């Protein structure tokens, strides 16, 4: 973008396991223009503690899937991108010579915007959790068999599962 008409979000990095870096957006300004998201109900340690195997259950198998760097795989709707405008940079420094089919000079200031759900946005967790739950349901996992905090654990006599932000376990 060639003009600043959005809400500024800054980027910083924190260390992850194994010395890798995680990109996080400082979305405090952006969060002020959005309503508070609905809460998410994740499986907690208490949820896991409520699972019980019956004496006649002879086997327990667990499978898991992880969506690596989940937030950055979710495309932010174009209508929301104005809320995540980064610091300006010169077109030449970014290797940009045209924008939207129009030429720009190396000295033009551009205001990039995030096109992915930024970690740091108040709605990021809700979007990711909701997506994982919908994917689980679309693949045949019933909400009644989902392990979730605040409700009785499903029976281990049938398949149960949990969606935890960017992980699915069954």
Protein backbone atom coordinates (compact mmCIF):
# COMPACT_ATOMS: atom_id res chain seq x y z
CA UNK A 1 0.00 0.00 0.00
CA UNK A 2 1.28 3.41 -0.90
CA UNK A 3 -0.49 5.49 1.72
CA UNK A 4 -0.96 5.30 5.45
CA UNK A 5 -4.66 4.99 6.13
CA UNK A 6 -4.58 2.07 8.49
CA UNK A 7 -3.88 1.29 12.11
CA UNK A 8 -0.26 0.69 12.92
CA UNK A 9 0.84 -2.69 14.24
CA UNK A 10 4.48 -3.27 15.11
CA UNK A 11 6.28 -6.60 14.88
CA UNK A 12 8.57 -8.20 17.45
CA UNK A 13 10.05 -11.65 17.96
CA UNK A 14 10.26 -14.03 20.91
CA UNK A 15 12.33 -17.18 21.24
CA UNK A 16 10.66 -20.54 20.73
CA UNK A 17 11.86 -24.01 21.64
CA UNK A 18 14.99 -24.99 19.77
CA UNK A 19 16.17 -21.40 19.38
CA UNK A 20 13.67 -20.55 16.64
CA UNK A 21 11.89 -17.21 16.63
CA UNK A 22 8.15 -16.57 16.78
CA UNK A 23 6.82 -13.43 15.11
CA UNK A 24 4.27 -11.54 17.19
CA UNK A 25 2.37 -8.40 16.24
CA UNK A 26 1.84 -5.63 18.77
CA UNK A 27 -1.85 -5.16 18.05
CA UNK A 28 -2.81 -2.97 21.01
CA UNK A 29 -3.94 -0.12 18.74
CA UNK A 30 -5.73 -2.54 16.41
CA UNK A 31 -7.48 -4.33 19.26
CA UNK A 32 -9.11 -1.04 20.31
CA UNK A 33 -11.27 -0.95 17.15
CA UNK A 34 -12.64 -4.49 17.54
CA UNK A 35 -15.21 -5.80 19.99
CA UNK A 36 -14.05 -8.43 22.46
CA UNK A 37 -14.15 -11.92 20.96
CA UNK A 38 -16.27 -14.67 22.41
CA UNK A 39 -14.22 -16.82 24.74
CA UNK A 40 -12.86 -20.17 23.66
CA UNK A 41 -13.35 -23.29 25.75
CA UNK A 42 -10.23 -25.38 25.50
CA UNK A 43 -9.42 -28.72 27.07
CA UNK A 44 -7.45 -28.08 30.27
CA UNK A 45 -5.48 -30.30 32.62
CA UNK A 46 -8.66 -30.71 34.63
CA UNK A 47 -10.42 -31.94 31.48
CA UNK A 48 -7.72 -34.56 30.92
CA UNK A 49 -7.89 -35.57 34.57
CA UNK A 50 -11.58 -36.36 34.21
CA UNK A 51 -10.99 -39.02 31.53
CA UNK A 52 -11.48 -42.53 32.87
CA UNK A 53 -10.70 -45.93 31.41
CA UNK A 54 -13.06 -48.70 32.41
CA UNK A 55 -11.67 -52.05 33.47
CA UNK A 56 -12.86 -53.63 30.24
CA UNK A 57 -11.13 -50.99 28.08
CA UNK A 58 -8.06 -52.90 27.00
CA UNK A 59 -6.39 -50.34 24.80
CA UNK A 60 -6.00 -46.60 24.52
CA UNK A 61 -4.49 -45.05 21.43
CA UNK A 62 -3.88 -41.37 20.86
CA UNK A 63 -3.22 -39.59 17.58
CA UNK A 64 -2.38 -35.96 17.11
CA UNK A 65 -1.95 -33.36 14.42
CA UNK A 66 -0.38 -29.92 14.69
CA UNK A 67 -0.86 -27.03 12.28
CA UNK A 68 2.63 -25.51 12.37
CA UNK A 69 2.66 -21.70 12.67
CA UNK A 70 -1.13 -21.81 12.59
CA UNK A 71 -1.95 -18.11 12.77
CA UNK A 72 0.25 -17.39 9.78
CA UNK A 73 -1.58 -19.96 7.63
CA UNK A 74 -4.91 -18.21 8.11
CA UNK A 75 -5.56 -15.45 5.59
CA UNK A 76 -7.03 -12.30 7.06
CA UNK A 77 -10.03 -10.98 5.12
CA UNK A 78 -8.98 -8.00 3.02
CA UNK A 79 -11.54 -5.77 4.76
CA UNK A 80 -9.69 -6.21 8.08
CA UNK A 81 -6.13 -5.66 6.84
CA UNK A 82 -6.27 -1.88 7.38
CA UNK A 83 -6.05 -2.62 11.12
CA UNK A 84 -2.61 -4.19 10.76
CA UNK A 85 -0.51 -1.63 8.88
CA UNK A 86 3.23 -1.96 9.41
CA UNK A 87 5.87 0.76 9.52
CA UNK A 88 6.57 2.34 6.15
CA UNK A 89 9.55 1.28 4.08
CA UNK A 90 10.98 2.51 0.79
CA UNK A 91 9.86 0.54 -2.24
CA UNK A 92 13.48 0.02 -3.31
CA UNK A 93 14.41 -1.53 0.06
CA UNK A 94 11.60 -4.05 -0.39
CA UNK A 95 12.42 -4.79 -4.04
CA UNK A 96 9.07 -3.41 -5.18
CA UNK A 97 8.90 -1.62 -8.55
CA UNK A 98 5.15 -1.75 -9.11
CA UNK A 99 2.10 -1.97 -6.93
CA UNK A 100 -1.33 -2.89 -8.17
CA UNK A 101 -0.03 -2.76 -11.73
CA UNK A 102 1.24 0.81 -11.30
CA UNK A 103 4.94 1.70 -11.24
CA UNK A 104 6.49 3.05 -8.03
CA UNK A 105 9.89 4.64 -7.58
CA UNK A 106 12.54 3.23 -5.29
CA UNK A 107 12.08 6.22 -2.97
CA UNK A 108 8.28 5.86 -2.61
CA UNK A 109 7.19 5.04 0.92
CA UNK A 110 5.01 1.96 1.15
CA UNK A 111 2.88 0.91 4.10
CA UNK A 112 2.67 -2.90 4.08
CA UNK A 113 -0.24 -4.64 5.75
CA UNK A 114 -0.47 -8.08 7.24
CA UNK A 115 -2.54 -10.49 5.18
CA UNK A 116 -2.47 -13.27 7.76
CA UNK A 117 -4.13 -13.48 11.18
CA UNK A 118 -1.57 -11.81 13.44
CA UNK A 119 -0.54 -13.49 16.67
CA UNK A 120 -1.21 -10.67 19.12
CA UNK A 121 -4.65 -9.74 17.77
CA UNK A 122 -7.42 -10.27 20.34
CA UNK A 123 -9.42 -12.36 17.84
CA UNK A 124 -6.53 -14.60 16.67
CA UNK A 125 -7.14 -17.36 19.23
CA UNK A 126 -10.88 -17.41 18.51
CA UNK A 127 -10.33 -17.66 14.74
CA UNK A 128 -7.80 -20.47 15.06
CA UNK A 129 -9.80 -22.45 17.64
CA UNK A 130 -13.05 -22.05 15.69
CA UNK A 131 -11.36 -23.23 12.50
CA UNK A 132 -9.89 -26.32 14.18
CA UNK A 133 -13.29 -27.20 15.67
CA UNK A 134 -15.01 -26.81 12.27
CA UNK A 135 -12.37 -28.95 10.56
CA UNK A 136 -12.85 -31.65 13.22
CA UNK A 137 -16.62 -31.56 12.75
CA UNK A 138 -16.31 -31.66 8.95
CA UNK A 139 -14.15 -34.80 9.29
CA UNK A 140 -16.81 -36.55 11.37
CA UNK A 141 -15.83 -35.67 14.94
CA UNK A 142 -18.99 -34.84 16.87
CA UNK A 143 -19.07 -31.91 19.29
CA UNK A 144 -20.50 -34.27 21.94
CA UNK A 145 -17.27 -36.32 21.84
CA UNK A 146 -15.00 -33.24 22.13
CA UNK A 147 -13.02 -32.96 25.35
CA UNK A 148 -13.60 -29.44 26.60
CA UNK A 149 -13.28 -27.63 29.91
CA UNK A 150 -16.44 -27.12 31.89
CA UNK A 151 -18.37 -30.19 30.80
CA UNK A 152 -18.21 -33.91 31.56
CA UNK A 153 -15.55 -35.86 29.71
CA UNK A 154 -16.75 -38.07 26.88
CA UNK A 155 -16.54 -41.82 27.36
CA UNK A 156 -13.30 -43.47 26.25
CA UNK A 157 -15.42 -46.44 25.13
CA UNK A 158 -16.00 -44.43 21.95
CA UNK A 159 -13.63 -42.18 20.06
CA UNK A 160 -13.20 -38.76 21.58
CA UNK A 161 -11.14 -35.80 20.45
CA UNK A 162 -10.01 -32.34 21.31
CA UNK A 163 -9.19 -29.25 19.33
CA UNK A 164 -6.62 -27.02 20.98
CA UNK A 165 -5.91 -23.88 18.94
CA UNK A 166 -3.61 -25.42 16.32
CA UNK A 167 -3.66 -29.05 17.45
CA UNK A 168 -6.14 -31.88 17.06
CA UNK A 169 -5.90 -34.98 19.22
CA UNK A 170 -8.11 -38.06 18.97
